[in-house]
Amino acid sequence: MLTYLNQPLSGSLAVTLVFYRPIQKSLSKAEKQRRIDGRHLPVVKPDLDNYIKSFLDALHGIYWQDDALITDIVASKRYDRQPRIEIEVNEITEDEDA
């Protein structure tokens, strides 16, 4: 677990999120392997948009001043042995020569 200790970001942001869901223990070895390999994707609830909204709202005022600053987003829902959320945030700088 990482702790963010900097001031909340205040410019335009691009965010990439990957939500890793747990693999059910009751599955066959073959099905577990399909999920690990990414051949069987989690097309189950909760919906990806619900994950996104909840997570972005949770970081409001902590990682960024407001989630309205996010202008670009890429998100995925996958299975993994280690459930987790991975996030990458990049500040978008305006090209002064444009």
N, C-alpha and C. Protein backbone atom coordinates (compact mmCIF):
# COMPACT_ATOMS: atom_id res chain seq x y z
N MET A 1 0.84 -1.18 0.00
CA MET A 1 0.00 0.00 0.00
C MET A 1 0.88 1.24 0.00
N LEU A 2 0.59 2.15 -0.90
CA LEU A 2 1.32 3.41 -0.98
C LEU A 2 0.51 4.54 -0.38
N THR A 3 1.20 5.50 0.20
CA THR A 3 0.55 6.68 0.74
C THR A 3 1.00 7.88 -0.07
N TYR A 4 0.05 8.67 -0.53
CA TYR A 4 0.35 9.87 -1.31
C TYR A 4 0.47 11.04 -0.35
N LEU A 5 1.65 11.66 -0.30
CA LEU A 5 1.91 12.71 0.68
C LEU A 5 2.04 14.10 0.06
N ASN A 6 1.94 14.21 -1.25
CA ASN A 6 2.08 15.51 -1.91
C ASN A 6 0.76 16.26 -1.90
N GLN A 7 0.82 17.51 -2.34
CA GLN A 7 -0.39 18.31 -2.47
C GLN A 7 -1.25 17.74 -3.60
N PRO A 8 -2.57 17.86 -3.51
CA PRO A 8 -3.43 17.38 -4.60
C PRO A 8 -3.10 18.08 -5.92
N LEU A 9 -3.14 17.33 -7.00
CA LEU A 9 -2.85 17.88 -8.32
C LEU A 9 -3.95 18.83 -8.74
N SER A 10 -3.59 19.83 -9.57
CA SER A 10 -4.57 20.87 -9.90
C SER A 10 -4.71 21.15 -11.39
N GLY A 11 -3.97 20.46 -12.23
CA GLY A 11 -4.06 20.70 -13.67
C GLY A 11 -4.85 19.61 -14.37
N SER A 12 -4.88 19.68 -15.69
CA SER A 12 -5.54 18.64 -16.49
C SER A 12 -4.82 17.30 -16.29
N LEU A 13 -5.61 16.24 -16.17
CA LEU A 13 -5.03 14.94 -15.84
C LEU A 13 -5.51 13.85 -16.79
N ALA A 14 -4.62 12.90 -17.07
CA ALA A 14 -4.95 11.68 -17.80
C ALA A 14 -4.77 10.53 -16.80
N VAL A 15 -5.79 9.69 -16.69
CA VAL A 15 -5.79 8.62 -15.69
C VAL A 15 -6.00 7.27 -16.38
N THR A 16 -5.18 6.30 -15.99
CA THR A 16 -5.35 4.92 -16.43
C THR A 16 -5.60 4.08 -15.19
N LEU A 17 -6.67 3.28 -15.21
CA LEU A 17 -7.05 2.45 -14.08
C LEU A 17 -7.21 1.00 -14.53
N VAL A 18 -6.71 0.08 -13.70
CA VAL A 18 -6.97 -1.34 -13.93
C VAL A 18 -7.47 -1.91 -12.60
N PHE A 19 -8.67 -2.45 -12.63
CA PHE A 19 -9.30 -3.06 -11.46
C PHE A 19 -9.15 -4.57 -11.58
N TYR A 20 -8.40 -5.17 -10.67
CA TYR A 20 -8.18 -6.61 -10.68
C TYR A 20 -9.11 -7.27 -9.66
N ARG A 21 -10.01 -8.11 -10.17
CA ARG A 21 -10.96 -8.83 -9.34
C ARG A 21 -10.37 -10.17 -8.92
N PRO A 22 -10.81 -10.70 -7.77
CA PRO A 22 -10.31 -12.01 -7.35
C PRO A 22 -10.85 -13.13 -8.24
N ILE A 23 -10.11 -14.20 -8.32
CA ILE A 23 -10.53 -15.39 -9.04
C ILE A 23 -11.20 -16.32 -8.02
N GLN A 24 -12.41 -16.74 -8.34
CA GLN A 24 -13.15 -17.60 -7.41
C GLN A 24 -12.42 -18.93 -7.20
N LYS A 25 -12.41 -19.39 -5.97
CA LYS A 25 -11.71 -20.62 -5.62
C LYS A 25 -12.43 -21.87 -6.13
N SER A 26 -13.72 -21.77 -6.37
CA SER A 26 -14.51 -22.95 -6.75
C SER A 26 -14.41 -23.32 -8.23
N LEU A 27 -13.62 -22.59 -9.00
CA LEU A 27 -13.49 -22.85 -10.44
C LEU A 27 -12.53 -24.00 -10.72
N SER A 28 -12.67 -24.58 -11.90
CA SER A 28 -11.73 -25.62 -12.33
C SER A 28 -10.36 -24.99 -12.58
N LYS A 29 -9.33 -25.82 -12.58
CA LYS A 29 -7.98 -25.32 -12.87
C LYS A 29 -7.92 -24.69 -14.25
N ALA A 30 -8.60 -25.28 -15.21
CA ALA A 30 -8.59 -24.76 -16.59
C ALA A 30 -9.24 -23.37 -16.64
N GLU A 31 -10.37 -23.21 -15.95
CA GLU A 31 -11.05 -21.91 -15.95
C GLU A 31 -10.23 -20.86 -15.21
N LYS A 32 -9.61 -21.25 -14.11
CA LYS A 32 -8.75 -20.32 -13.39
C LYS A 32 -7.62 -19.84 -14.30
N GLN A 33 -7.03 -20.75 -15.05
CA GLN A 33 -5.94 -20.39 -15.95
C GLN A 33 -6.42 -19.46 -17.06
N ARG A 34 -7.63 -19.69 -17.59
CA ARG A 34 -8.18 -18.79 -18.61
C ARG A 34 -8.31 -17.38 -18.07
N ARG A 35 -8.72 -17.26 -16.82
CA ARG A 35 -8.87 -15.93 -16.21
C ARG A 35 -7.52 -15.28 -15.94
N ILE A 36 -6.56 -16.07 -15.50
CA ILE A 36 -5.21 -15.54 -15.27
C ILE A 36 -4.60 -15.06 -16.59
N ASP A 37 -4.82 -15.83 -17.66
CA ASP A 37 -4.26 -15.49 -18.98
C ASP A 37 -5.00 -14.35 -19.68
N GLY A 38 -6.13 -13.92 -19.12
CA GLY A 38 -6.90 -12.86 -19.74
C GLY A 38 -7.79 -13.34 -20.87
N ARG A 39 -8.00 -14.65 -20.99
CA ARG A 39 -8.87 -15.19 -22.03
C ARG A 39 -10.33 -15.19 -21.62
N HIS A 40 -10.59 -15.06 -20.33
CA HIS A 40 -11.95 -14.93 -19.80
C HIS A 40 -11.98 -13.64 -18.97
N LEU A 41 -12.70 -12.66 -19.45
CA LEU A 41 -12.75 -11.35 -18.80
C LEU A 41 -13.95 -11.27 -17.86
N PRO A 42 -13.87 -10.42 -16.83
CA PRO A 42 -14.96 -10.32 -15.85
C PRO A 42 -16.15 -9.49 -16.37
N VAL A 43 -17.06 -10.17 -17.02
CA VAL A 43 -18.26 -9.51 -17.53
C VAL A 43 -19.40 -9.70 -16.52
N VAL A 44 -19.09 -9.38 -15.28
CA VAL A 44 -20.02 -9.51 -14.16
C VAL A 44 -20.12 -8.17 -13.44
N LYS A 45 -21.13 -8.04 -12.61
CA LYS A 45 -21.28 -6.83 -11.81
C LYS A 45 -20.27 -6.85 -10.68
N PRO A 46 -19.84 -5.72 -10.16
CA PRO A 46 -20.29 -4.39 -10.54
C PRO A 46 -19.72 -3.95 -11.89
N ASP A 47 -20.47 -3.05 -12.52
CA ASP A 47 -20.07 -2.51 -13.81
C ASP A 47 -18.80 -1.67 -13.68
N LEU A 48 -18.03 -1.64 -14.75
CA LEU A 48 -16.78 -0.88 -14.75
C LEU A 48 -17.01 0.59 -14.42
N ASP A 49 -18.07 1.20 -14.94
CA ASP A 49 -18.31 2.62 -14.67
C ASP A 49 -18.56 2.87 -13.18
N ASN A 50 -19.12 1.89 -12.47
CA ASN A 50 -19.30 2.05 -11.02
C ASN A 50 -17.97 2.01 -10.29
N TYR A 51 -17.08 1.12 -10.70
CA TYR A 51 -15.74 1.09 -10.13
C TYR A 51 -15.05 2.44 -10.33
N ILE A 52 -15.10 2.94 -11.55
CA ILE A 52 -14.41 4.18 -11.89
C ILE A 52 -14.92 5.33 -11.02
N LYS A 53 -16.22 5.52 -11.00
CA LYS A 53 -16.80 6.64 -10.25
C LYS A 53 -16.43 6.56 -8.77
N SER A 54 -16.57 5.39 -8.18
CA SER A 54 -16.25 5.23 -6.76
C SER A 54 -14.80 5.55 -6.46
N PHE A 55 -13.91 5.02 -7.30
CA PHE A 55 -12.48 5.21 -7.06
C PHE A 55 -12.07 6.67 -7.26
N LEU A 56 -12.54 7.29 -8.33
CA LEU A 56 -12.18 8.69 -8.58
C LEU A 56 -12.73 9.60 -7.48
N ASP A 57 -13.94 9.35 -7.03
CA ASP A 57 -14.51 10.14 -5.94
C ASP A 57 -13.70 9.97 -4.65
N ALA A 58 -13.20 8.76 -4.42
CA ALA A 58 -12.43 8.49 -3.19
C ALA A 58 -11.11 9.28 -3.16
N LEU A 59 -10.55 9.58 -4.32
CA LEU A 59 -9.27 10.31 -4.38
C LEU A 59 -9.45 11.82 -4.49
N HIS A 60 -10.71 12.28 -4.56
CA HIS A 60 -11.02 13.71 -4.61
C HIS A 60 -10.45 14.39 -3.36
N GLY A 61 -9.66 15.44 -3.57
CA GLY A 61 -9.08 16.18 -2.46
C GLY A 61 -7.83 15.55 -1.87
N ILE A 62 -7.50 14.35 -2.32
CA ILE A 62 -6.30 13.67 -1.82
C ILE A 62 -5.24 13.65 -2.92
N TYR A 63 -5.59 13.05 -4.06
CA TYR A 63 -4.63 12.93 -5.16
C TYR A 63 -4.81 14.05 -6.17
N TRP A 64 -6.03 14.54 -6.33
CA TRP A 64 -6.32 15.69 -7.18
C TRP A 64 -7.33 16.57 -6.47
N GLN A 65 -7.32 17.86 -6.83
CA GLN A 65 -8.23 18.80 -6.17
C GLN A 65 -9.69 18.47 -6.46
N ASP A 66 -9.95 18.03 -7.68
CA ASP A 66 -11.33 17.70 -8.07
C ASP A 66 -11.26 16.73 -9.24
N ASP A 67 -12.15 15.74 -9.26
CA ASP A 67 -12.09 14.79 -10.37
C ASP A 67 -12.56 15.41 -11.69
N ALA A 68 -13.05 16.63 -11.66
CA ALA A 68 -13.38 17.35 -12.90
C ALA A 68 -12.11 17.67 -13.69
N LEU A 69 -10.94 17.60 -13.05
CA LEU A 69 -9.66 17.87 -13.71
C LEU A 69 -9.27 16.74 -14.66
N ILE A 70 -9.90 15.58 -14.53
CA ILE A 70 -9.57 14.43 -15.38
C ILE A 70 -10.21 14.62 -16.75
N THR A 71 -9.36 14.77 -17.75
CA THR A 71 -9.85 14.99 -19.12
C THR A 71 -9.69 13.75 -19.99
N ASP A 72 -8.86 12.80 -19.56
CA ASP A 72 -8.63 11.57 -20.31
C ASP A 72 -8.64 10.41 -19.32
N ILE A 73 -9.32 9.31 -19.72
CA ILE A 73 -9.36 8.15 -18.84
C ILE A 73 -9.40 6.88 -19.67
N VAL A 74 -8.63 5.89 -19.20
CA VAL A 74 -8.64 4.54 -19.77
C VAL A 74 -8.82 3.62 -18.57
N ALA A 75 -9.78 2.68 -18.67
CA ALA A 75 -10.05 1.79 -17.54
C ALA A 75 -10.30 0.38 -18.04
N SER A 76 -9.89 -0.59 -17.20
CA SER A 76 -10.08 -2.01 -17.51
C SER A 76 -10.47 -2.76 -16.25
N LYS A 77 -11.17 -3.86 -16.44
CA LYS A 77 -11.54 -4.76 -15.35
C LYS A 77 -10.99 -6.13 -15.73
N ARG A 78 -10.18 -6.74 -14.86
CA ARG A 78 -9.53 -8.01 -15.14
C ARG A 78 -9.59 -8.91 -13.92
N TYR A 79 -9.21 -10.17 -14.11
CA TYR A 79 -9.05 -11.11 -13.00
C TYR A 79 -7.58 -11.24 -12.67
N ASP A 80 -7.29 -11.53 -11.40
CA ASP A 80 -5.92 -11.82 -10.99
C ASP A 80 -5.95 -12.53 -9.65
N ARG A 81 -4.89 -13.26 -9.37
CA ARG A 81 -4.77 -13.93 -8.07
C ARG A 81 -4.68 -12.92 -6.94
N GLN A 82 -4.13 -11.74 -7.26
CA GLN A 82 -3.93 -10.69 -6.26
C GLN A 82 -4.87 -9.52 -6.59
N PRO A 83 -6.06 -9.47 -5.98
CA PRO A 83 -6.98 -8.35 -6.25
C PRO A 83 -6.34 -7.02 -5.85
N ARG A 84 -6.54 -6.03 -6.71
CA ARG A 84 -5.95 -4.72 -6.44
C ARG A 84 -6.48 -3.72 -7.46
N ILE A 85 -6.10 -2.47 -7.26
CA ILE A 85 -6.38 -1.41 -8.24
C ILE A 85 -5.05 -0.78 -8.58
N GLU A 86 -4.75 -0.68 -9.86
CA GLU A 86 -3.54 0.01 -10.31
C GLU A 86 -3.98 1.31 -10.97
N ILE A 87 -3.26 2.37 -10.66
CA ILE A 87 -3.59 3.67 -11.21
C ILE A 87 -2.32 4.34 -11.72
N GLU A 88 -2.45 4.98 -12.86
CA GLU A 88 -1.38 5.81 -13.40
C GLU A 88 -2.00 7.17 -13.71
N VAL A 89 -1.36 8.22 -13.21
CA VAL A 89 -1.87 9.58 -13.41
C VAL A 89 -0.77 10.40 -14.06
N ASN A 90 -1.11 11.08 -15.14
CA ASN A 90 -0.18 11.97 -15.82
C ASN A 90 -0.80 13.35 -15.94
N GLU A 91 -0.01 14.35 -15.61
CA GLU A 91 -0.47 15.72 -15.83
C GLU A 91 -0.34 16.04 -17.30
N ILE A 92 -1.34 16.66 -17.86
CA ILE A 92 -1.34 17.05 -19.27
C ILE A 92 -0.90 18.51 -19.35
N THR A 93 0.21 18.74 -20.04
CA THR A 93 0.69 20.10 -20.19
C THR A 93 0.28 20.63 -21.56
N GLU A 94 -0.12 21.87 -21.58
CA GLU A 94 -0.51 22.49 -22.84
C GLU A 94 0.75 22.81 -23.64
N ASP A 95 0.70 22.55 -24.92
CA ASP A 95 1.82 22.85 -25.81
C ASP A 95 1.80 24.34 -26.11
N GLU A 96 2.82 25.05 -25.66
CA GLU A 96 2.87 26.50 -25.83
C GLU A 96 3.04 26.91 -27.28
N ASP A 97 3.54 25.99 -28.14
CA ASP A 97 3.74 26.30 -29.55
C ASP A 97 2.49 26.06 -30.39
N ALA A 98 1.46 25.51 -29.81
CA ALA A 98 0.26 25.17 -30.59
C ALA A 98 -0.53 26.38 -31.01
